[in-house]
Amino acid sequence: MRLSFTEFGMLRRSIVAIIACTALLALVGCGIKGPLRLPPGKSAPAPTGLPPGVAPTTIPGKPSDTPAPPAPVEPAPDSNKAKE
């Protein structure tokens, strides 16, 4: 029995489709089952208060365009106190 060019092409596509489906099922079948957990020693990032998927306007570690608030000023010692 000889295969014509059309039959050979259809057989080749079928074999490729079977291999692709098998590989896809193997990839989908492996992995972590159940809820995802962080690795030990890692902690979740601090909440930003933004809805999920929204990037913050400033990047941590990069200086922002707004100036930092001034540091609190400690009161100077009172030199006019009554001496004891």
PDB file of N, CA and C in Angstrom:
ATOM      1  N   MET A   1       0.846  -1.174   0.000  1.00  0.00           N
ATOM      2  CA  MET A   1       0.000   0.000   0.000  1.00  0.00           C
ATOM      3  C   MET A   1       0.891   1.236   0.000  1.00  0.00           C
ATOM      4  N   ARG A   2       0.622   2.109  -0.914  1.00  0.00           N
ATOM      5  CA  ARG A   2       1.394   3.346  -1.010  1.00  0.00           C
ATOM      6  C   ARG A   2       0.541   4.496  -0.519  1.00  0.00           C
ATOM      7  N   LEU A   3       1.191   5.448   0.162  1.00  0.00           N
ATOM      8  CA  LEU A   3       0.493   6.635   0.632  1.00  0.00           C
ATOM      9  C   LEU A   3       0.655   7.737  -0.396  1.00  0.00           C
ATOM     10  N   SER A   4      -0.442   8.374  -0.720  1.00  0.00           N
ATOM     11  CA  SER A   4      -0.339   9.518  -1.610  1.00  0.00           C
ATOM     12  C   SER A   4       0.148  10.724  -0.815  1.00  0.00           C
ATOM     13  N   PHE A   5       0.501  11.766  -1.507  1.00  0.00           N
ATOM     14  CA  PHE A   5       1.005  12.977  -0.850  1.00  0.00           C
ATOM     15  C   PHE A   5      -0.032  13.544   0.112  1.00  0.00           C
ATOM     16  N   THR A   6      -1.315  13.524  -0.269  1.00  0.00           N
ATOM     17  CA  THR A   6      -2.384  14.057   0.584  1.00  0.00           C
ATOM     18  C   THR A   6      -2.564  13.204   1.828  1.00  0.00           C
ATOM     19  N   GLU A   7      -2.539  11.883   1.655  1.00  0.00           N
ATOM     20  CA  GLU A   7      -2.691  11.001   2.813  1.00  0.00           C
ATOM     21  C   GLU A   7      -1.500  11.127   3.764  1.00  0.00           C
ATOM     22  N   PHE A   8      -0.300  11.246   3.199  1.00  0.00           N
ATOM     23  CA  PHE A   8       0.890  11.409   4.026  1.00  0.00           C
ATOM     24  C   PHE A   8       0.818  12.703   4.831  1.00  0.00           C
ATOM     25  N   GLY A   9       0.344  13.784   4.224  1.00  0.00           N
ATOM     26  CA  GLY A   9       0.204  15.063   4.927  1.00  0.00           C
ATOM     27  C   GLY A   9      -0.808  14.983   6.052  1.00  0.00           C
ATOM     28  N   MET A  10      -1.922  14.292   5.806  1.00  0.00           N
ATOM     29  CA  MET A  10      -2.939  14.151   6.853  1.00  0.00           C
ATOM     30  C   MET A  10      -2.411  13.288   8.004  1.00  0.00           C
ATOM     31  N   LEU A  11      -1.684  12.199   7.665  1.00  0.00           N
ATOM     32  CA  LEU A  11      -1.111  11.339   8.700  1.00  0.00           C
ATOM     33  C   LEU A  11      -0.076  12.100   9.522  1.00  0.00           C
ATOM     34  N   ARG A  12       0.727  12.889   8.827  1.00  0.00           N
ATOM     35  CA  ARG A  12       1.753  13.674   9.518  1.00  0.00           C
ATOM     36  C   ARG A  12       1.109  14.689  10.469  1.00  0.00           C
ATOM     37  N   ARG A  13       0.061  15.373  10.031  1.00  0.00           N
ATOM     38  CA  ARG A  13      -0.636  16.332  10.897  1.00  0.00           C
ATOM     39  C   ARG A  13      -1.261  15.630  12.093  1.00  0.00           C
ATOM     40  N   SER A  14      -1.818  14.439  11.874  1.00  0.00           N
ATOM     41  CA  SER A  14      -2.425  13.692  12.978  1.00  0.00           C
ATOM     42  C   SER A  14      -1.378  13.307  14.017  1.00  0.00           C
ATOM     43  N   ILE A  15      -0.224  12.856  13.562  1.00  0.00           N
ATOM     44  CA  ILE A  15       0.842  12.476  14.496  1.00  0.00           C
ATOM     45  C   ILE A  15       1.317  13.704  15.271  1.00  0.00           C
ATOM     46  N   VAL A  16       1.494  14.821  14.587  1.00  0.00           N
ATOM     47  CA  VAL A  16       1.919  16.056  15.258  1.00  0.00           C
ATOM     48  C   VAL A  16       0.865  16.495  16.282  1.00  0.00           C
ATOM     49  N   ALA A  17      -0.413  16.390  15.937  1.00  0.00           N
ATOM     50  CA  ALA A  17      -1.485  16.773  16.855  1.00  0.00           C
ATOM     51  C   ALA A  17      -1.513  15.860  18.074  1.00  0.00           C
ATOM     52  N   ILE A  18      -1.298  14.559  17.880  1.00  0.00           N
ATOM     53  CA  ILE A  18      -1.285  13.620  19.005  1.00  0.00           C
ATOM     54  C   ILE A  18      -0.107  13.924  19.934  1.00  0.00           C
ATOM     55  N   ILE A  19       1.059  14.193  19.368  1.00  0.00           N
ATOM     56  CA  ILE A  19       2.235  14.516  20.190  1.00  0.00           C
ATOM     57  C   ILE A  19       2.017  15.821  20.942  1.00  0.00           C
ATOM     58  N   ALA A  20       1.447  16.831  20.287  1.00  0.00           N
ATOM     59  CA  ALA A  20       1.197  18.122  20.938  1.00  0.00           C
ATOM     60  C   ALA A  20       0.196  17.975  22.080  1.00  0.00           C
ATOM     61  N   CYS A  21      -0.876  17.197  21.857  1.00  0.00           N
ATOM     62  CA  CYS A  21      -1.879  16.984  22.916  1.00  0.00           C
ATOM     63  C   CYS A  21      -1.288  16.215  24.087  1.00  0.00           C
ATOM     64  N   THR A  22      -0.451  15.227  23.808  1.00  0.00           N
ATOM     65  CA  THR A  22       0.192  14.457  24.872  1.00  0.00           C
ATOM     66  C   THR A  22       1.118  15.352  25.693  1.00  0.00           C
ATOM     67  N   ALA A  23       1.900  16.196  25.019  1.00  0.00           N
ATOM     68  CA  ALA A  23       2.796  17.107  25.724  1.00  0.00           C
ATOM     69  C   ALA A  23       2.004  18.110  26.559  1.00  0.00           C
ATOM     70  N   LEU A  24       0.908  18.615  26.028  1.00  0.00           N
ATOM     71  CA  LEU A  24       0.076  19.564  26.760  1.00  0.00           C
ATOM     72  C   LEU A  24      -0.524  18.914  28.000  1.00  0.00           C
ATOM     73  N   LEU A  25      -1.027  17.712  27.863  1.00  0.00           N
ATOM     74  CA  LEU A  25      -1.584  17.009  29.022  1.00  0.00           C
ATOM     75  C   LEU A  25      -0.514  16.713  30.072  1.00  0.00           C
ATOM     76  N   ALA A  26       0.697  16.407  29.641  1.00  0.00           N
ATOM     77  CA  ALA A  26       1.787  16.160  30.590  1.00  0.00           C
ATOM     78  C   ALA A  26       2.136  17.432  31.350  1.00  0.00           C
ATOM     79  N   LEU A  27       2.145  18.567  30.664  1.00  0.00           N
ATOM     80  CA  LEU A  27       2.456  19.836  31.332  1.00  0.00           C
ATOM     81  C   LEU A  27       1.346  20.256  32.288  1.00  0.00           C
ATOM     82  N   VAL A  28       0.110  20.061  31.887  1.00  0.00           N
ATOM     83  CA  VAL A  28      -1.017  20.454  32.728  1.00  0.00           C
ATOM     84  C   VAL A  28      -1.125  19.539  33.935  1.00  0.00           C
ATOM     85  N   GLY A  29      -0.779  18.271  33.776  1.00  0.00           N
ATOM     86  CA  GLY A  29      -0.911  17.300  34.849  1.00  0.00           C
ATOM     87  C   GLY A  29       0.128  17.417  35.935  1.00  0.00           C
ATOM     88  N   CYS A  30       1.267  18.041  35.665  1.00  0.00           N
ATOM     89  CA  CYS A  30       2.307  18.142  36.686  1.00  0.00           C
ATOM     90  C   CYS A  30       2.188  19.486  37.401  1.00  0.00           C
ATOM     91  N   GLY A  31       2.875  19.613  38.502  1.00  0.00           N
ATOM     92  CA  GLY A  31       2.870  20.882  39.223  1.00  0.00           C
ATOM     93  C   GLY A  31       2.285  20.754  40.601  1.00  0.00           C
ATOM     94  N   ILE A  32       2.129  21.882  41.256  1.00  0.00           N
ATOM     95  CA  ILE A  32       1.647  21.924  42.629  1.00  0.00           C
ATOM     96  C   ILE A  32       0.125  21.833  42.619  1.00  0.00           C
ATOM     97  N   LYS A  33      -0.375  20.941  43.429  1.00  0.00           N
ATOM     98  CA  LYS A  33      -1.822  20.799  43.565  1.00  0.00           C
ATOM     99  C   LYS A  33      -2.265  21.583  44.796  1.00  0.00           C
ATOM    100  N   GLY A  34      -3.363  22.249  44.735  1.00  0.00           N
ATOM    101  CA  GLY A  34      -3.883  22.982  45.882  1.00  0.00           C
ATOM    102  C   GLY A  34      -3.448  24.439  45.866  1.00  0.00           C
ATOM    103  N   PRO A  35      -3.613  25.122  46.995  1.00  0.00           N
ATOM    104  CA  PRO A  35      -3.301  26.555  47.043  1.00  0.00           C
ATOM    105  C   PRO A  35      -1.796  26.804  46.938  1.00  0.00           C
ATOM    106  N   LEU A  36      -1.437  27.932  46.354  1.00  0.00           N
ATOM    107  CA  LEU A  36      -0.040  28.303  46.224  1.00  0.00           C
ATOM    108  C   LEU A  36       0.463  28.897  47.538  1.00  0.00           C
ATOM    109  N   ARG A  37       1.686  28.561  47.888  1.00  0.00           N
ATOM    110  CA  ARG A  37       2.289  29.070  49.115  1.00  0.00           C
ATOM    111  C   ARG A  37       3.668  29.627  48.785  1.00  0.00           C
ATOM    112  N   LEU A  38       4.097  30.645  49.538  1.00  0.00           N
ATOM    113  CA  LEU A  38       5.429  31.206  49.363  1.00  0.00           C
ATOM    114  C   LEU A  38       6.466  30.230  49.893  1.00  0.00           C
ATOM    115  N   PRO A  39       7.673  30.248  49.341  1.00  0.00           N
ATOM    116  CA  PRO A  39       8.729  29.397  49.863  1.00  0.00           C
ATOM    117  C   PRO A  39       9.083  29.803  51.298  1.00  0.00           C
ATOM    118  N   PRO A  40       9.651  28.891  52.087  1.00  0.00           N
ATOM    119  CA  PRO A  40      10.018  29.238  53.460  1.00  0.00           C
ATOM    120  C   PRO A  40      11.029  30.378  53.476  1.00  0.00           C
ATOM    121  N   GLY A  41      10.870  31.279  54.440  1.00  0.00           N
ATOM    122  CA  GLY A  41      11.784  32.402  54.568  1.00  0.00           C
ATOM    123  C   GLY A  41      11.368  33.623  53.776  1.00  0.00           C
ATOM    124  N   LYS A  42      10.385  33.513  52.953  1.00  0.00           N
ATOM    125  CA  LYS A  42       9.908  34.656  52.167  1.00  0.00           C
ATOM    126  C   LYS A  42       8.651  35.200  52.816  1.00  0.00           C
ATOM    127  N   SER A  43       8.410  36.482  52.647  1.00  0.00           N
ATOM    128  CA  SER A  43       7.186  37.061  53.169  1.00  0.00           C
ATOM    129  C   SER A  43       6.459  37.772  52.036  1.00  0.00           C
ATOM    130  N   ALA A  44       5.182  37.935  52.227  1.00  0.00           N
ATOM    131  CA  ALA A  44       4.368  38.593  51.207  1.00  0.00           C
ATOM    132  C   ALA A  44       4.705  40.080  51.170  1.00  0.00           C
ATOM    133  N   PRO A  45       4.597  40.719  50.003  1.00  0.00           N
ATOM    134  CA  PRO A  45       4.851  42.158  49.930  1.00  0.00           C
ATOM    135  C   PRO A  45       3.807  42.928  50.721  1.00  0.00           C
ATOM    136  N   ALA A  46       4.206  44.084  51.191  1.00  0.00           N
ATOM    137  CA  ALA A  46       3.301  44.920  51.976  1.00  0.00           C
ATOM    138  C   ALA A  46       2.133  45.381  51.103  1.00  0.00           C
ATOM    139  N   PRO A  47       0.920  45.406  51.653  1.00  0.00           N
ATOM    140  CA  PRO A  47      -0.226  45.846  50.850  1.00  0.00           C
ATOM    141  C   PRO A  47      -0.107  47.329  50.513  1.00  0.00           C
ATOM    142  N   THR A  48      -0.525  47.679  49.297  1.00  0.00           N
ATOM    143  CA  THR A  48      -0.437  49.067  48.855  1.00  0.00           C
ATOM    144  C   THR A  48      -1.766  49.793  48.955  1.00  0.00           C
ATOM    145  N   GLY A  49      -2.851  49.065  49.154  1.00  0.00           N
ATOM    146  CA  GLY A  49      -4.163  49.692  49.204  1.00  0.00           C
ATOM    147  C   GLY A  49      -4.776  49.873  47.833  1.00  0.00           C
ATOM    148  N   LEU A  50      -4.056  49.470  46.792  1.00  0.00           N
ATOM    149  CA  LEU A  50      -4.568  49.569  45.431  1.00  0.00           C
ATOM    150  C   LEU A  50      -5.256  48.264  45.054  1.00  0.00           C
ATOM    151  N   PRO A  51      -6.185  48.305  44.110  1.00  0.00           N
ATOM    152  CA  PRO A  51      -6.803  47.057  43.665  1.00  0.00           C
ATOM    153  C   PRO A  51      -5.756  46.157  43.002  1.00  0.00           C
ATOM    154  N   PRO A  52      -5.971  44.847  42.985  1.00  0.00           N
ATOM    155  CA  PRO A  52      -5.009  43.932  42.375  1.00  0.00           C
ATOM    156  C   PRO A  52      -4.789  44.254  40.907  1.00  0.00           C
ATOM    157  N   GLY A  53      -3.546  44.175  40.488  1.00  0.00           N
ATOM    158  CA  GLY A  53      -3.208  44.420  39.097  1.00  0.00           C
ATOM    159  C   GLY A  53      -2.856  45.856  38.785  1.00  0.00           C
ATOM    160  N   VAL A  54      -3.038  46.783  39.725  1.00  0.00           N
ATOM    161  CA  VAL A  54      -2.708  48.182  39.493  1.00  0.00           C
ATOM    162  C   VAL A  54      -1.317  48.434  40.058  1.00  0.00           C
ATOM    163  N   ALA A  55      -0.431  48.954  39.228  1.00  0.00           N
ATOM    164  CA  ALA A  55       0.938  49.216  39.662  1.00  0.00           C
ATOM    165  C   ALA A  55       0.982  50.511  40.463  1.00  0.00           C
ATOM    166  N   PRO A  56       1.804  50.541  41.523  1.00  0.00           N
ATOM    167  CA  PRO A  56       1.946  51.791  42.269  1.00  0.00           C
ATOM    168  C   PRO A  56       2.637  52.841  41.407  1.00  0.00           C
ATOM    169  N   THR A  57       2.412  54.100  41.723  1.00  0.00           N
ATOM    170  CA  THR A  57       2.981  55.174  40.911  1.00  0.00           C
ATOM    171  C   THR A  57       4.463  55.358  41.178  1.00  0.00           C
ATOM    172  N   THR A  58       4.953  54.966  42.347  1.00  0.00           N
ATOM    173  CA  THR A  58       6.374  55.061  42.637  1.00  0.00           C
ATOM    174  C   THR A  58       6.948  53.657  42.744  1.00  0.00           C
ATOM    175  N   ILE A  59       8.196  53.535  42.390  1.00  0.00           N
ATOM    176  CA  ILE A  59       8.874  52.252  42.453  1.00  0.00           C
ATOM    177  C   ILE A  59       9.710  52.231  43.722  1.00  0.00           C
ATOM    178  N   PRO A  60       9.588  51.174  44.556  1.00  0.00           N
ATOM    179  CA  PRO A  60      10.387  51.114  45.780  1.00  0.00           C
ATOM    180  C   PRO A  60      11.873  51.157  45.458  1.00  0.00           C
ATOM    181  N   GLY A  61      12.613  51.928  46.234  1.00  0.00           N
ATOM    182  CA  GLY A  61      14.045  52.048  46.030  1.00  0.00           C
ATOM    183  C   GLY A  61      14.432  53.126  45.045  1.00  0.00           C
ATOM    184  N   LYS A  62      13.480  53.715  44.373  1.00  0.00           N
ATOM    185  CA  LYS A  62      13.758  54.772  43.405  1.00  0.00           C
ATOM    186  C   LYS A  62      13.214  56.077  43.979  1.00  0.00           C
ATOM    187  N   PRO A  63      13.979  57.152  43.920  1.00  0.00           N
ATOM    188  CA  PRO A  63      13.476  58.408  44.498  1.00  0.00           C
ATOM    189  C   PRO A  63      12.220  58.884  43.776  1.00  0.00           C
ATOM    190  N   SER A  64      11.286  59.399  44.545  1.00  0.00           N
ATOM    191  CA  SER A  64      10.040  59.880  43.951  1.00  0.00           C
ATOM    192  C   SER A  64      10.167  61.352  43.581  1.00  0.00           C
ATOM    193  N   ASP A  65       9.199  61.843  42.842  1.00  0.00           N
ATOM    194  CA  ASP A  65       9.213  63.237  42.414  1.00  0.00           C
ATOM    195  C   ASP A  65       8.774  64.185  43.529  1.00  0.00           C
ATOM    196  N   THR A  66       8.047  63.676  44.502  1.00  0.00           N
ATOM    197  CA  THR A  66       7.577  64.529  45.582  1.00  0.00           C
ATOM    198  C   THR A  66       8.623  64.580  46.687  1.00  0.00           C
ATOM    199  N   PRO A  67       8.841  65.748  47.278  1.00  0.00           N
ATOM    200  CA  PRO A  67       9.848  65.840  48.347  1.00  0.00           C
ATOM    201  C   PRO A  67       9.367  65.115  49.602  1.00  0.00           C
ATOM    202  N   ALA A  68      10.319  64.624  50.358  1.00  0.00           N
ATOM    203  CA  ALA A  68      10.001  63.932  51.600  1.00  0.00           C
ATOM    204  C   ALA A  68       9.538  64.960  52.635  1.00  0.00           C
ATOM    205  N   PRO A  69       8.650  64.576  53.548  1.00  0.00           N
ATOM    206  CA  PRO A  69       8.225  65.515  54.581  1.00  0.00           C
ATOM    207  C   PRO A  69       9.411  65.862  55.488  1.00  0.00           C
ATOM    208  N   PRO A  70       9.431  67.075  56.020  1.00  0.00           N
ATOM    209  CA  PRO A  70      10.561  67.471  56.864  1.00  0.00           C
ATOM    210  C   PRO A  70      10.604  66.623  58.133  1.00  0.00           C
ATOM    211  N   ALA A  71      11.822  66.400  58.608  1.00  0.00           N
ATOM    212  CA  ALA A  71      12.009  65.627  59.831  1.00  0.00           C
ATOM    213  C   ALA A  71      11.510  66.451  61.014  1.00  0.00           C
ATOM    214  N   PRO A  72      10.988  65.790  62.054  1.00  0.00           N
ATOM    215  CA  PRO A  72      10.533  66.538  63.224  1.00  0.00           C
ATOM    216  C   PRO A  72      11.713  67.232  63.908  1.00  0.00           C
ATOM    217  N   VAL A  73      11.463  68.456  64.340  1.00  0.00           N
ATOM    218  CA  VAL A  73      12.508  69.263  64.984  1.00  0.00           C
ATOM    219  C   VAL A  73      12.369  69.105  66.485  1.00  0.00           C
ATOM    220  N   GLU A  74      13.506  68.745  67.113  1.00  0.00           N
ATOM    221  CA  GLU A  74      13.493  68.623  68.569  1.00  0.00           C
ATOM    222  C   GLU A  74      13.611  70.017  69.184  1.00  0.00           C
ATOM    223  N   PRO A  75      12.886  70.261  70.276  1.00  0.00           N
ATOM    224  CA  PRO A  75      12.991  71.582  70.895  1.00  0.00           C
ATOM    225  C   PRO A  75      14.388  71.783  71.495  1.00  0.00           C
ATOM    226  N   ALA A  76      14.865  72.990  71.371  1.00  0.00           N
ATOM    227  CA  ALA A  76      16.178  73.335  71.925  1.00  0.00           C
ATOM    228  C   ALA A  76      16.084  73.363  73.446  1.00  0.00           C
ATOM    229  N   PRO A  77      17.178  73.054  74.119  1.00  0.00           N
ATOM    230  CA  PRO A  77      17.136  73.116  75.589  1.00  0.00           C
ATOM    231  C   PRO A  77      16.822  74.545  76.042  1.00  0.00           C
ATOM    232  N   ASP A  78      15.990  74.634  77.030  1.00  0.00           N
ATOM    233  CA  ASP A  78      15.566  75.948  77.511  1.00  0.00           C
ATOM    234  C   ASP A  78      16.670  76.541  78.397  1.00  0.00           C
ATOM    235  N   SER A  79      17.314  77.587  77.880  1.00  0.00           N
ATOM    236  CA  SER A  79      18.440  78.197  78.643  1.00  0.00           C
ATOM    237  C   SER A  79      17.907  79.239  79.639  1.00  0.00           C
ATOM    238  N   ASN A  80      16.633  79.567  79.575  1.00  0.00           N
ATOM    239  CA  ASN A  80      16.093  80.595  80.468  1.00  0.00           C
ATOM    240  C   ASN A  80      15.435  80.005  81.711  1.00  0.00           C
ATOM    241  N   LYS A  81      15.731  78.732  82.003  1.00  0.00           N
ATOM    242  CA  LYS A  81      15.121  78.114  83.165  1.00  0.00           C
ATOM    243  C   LYS A  81      15.700  78.736  84.430  1.00  0.00           C
ATOM    244  N   ALA A  82      14.908  78.726  85.437  1.00  0.00           N
ATOM    245  CA  ALA A  82      15.392  79.233  86.725  1.00  0.00           C
ATOM    246  C   ALA A  82      16.395  78.250  87.282  1.00  0.00           C
ATOM    247  N   LYS A  83      17.519  78.801  87.717  1.00  0.00           N
ATOM    248  CA  LYS A  83      18.571  77.950  88.247  1.00  0.00           C
ATOM    249  C   LYS A  83      18.247  77.566  89.663  1.00  0.00           C
ATOM    250  N   GLU A  84      18.535  76.367  90.014  1.00  0.00           N
ATOM    251  CA  GLU A  84      18.229  75.898  91.369  1.00  0.00           C
ATOM    252  C   GLU A  84      19.388  76.018  92.277  1.00  0.00           C
TER     253      GLU A  84
END
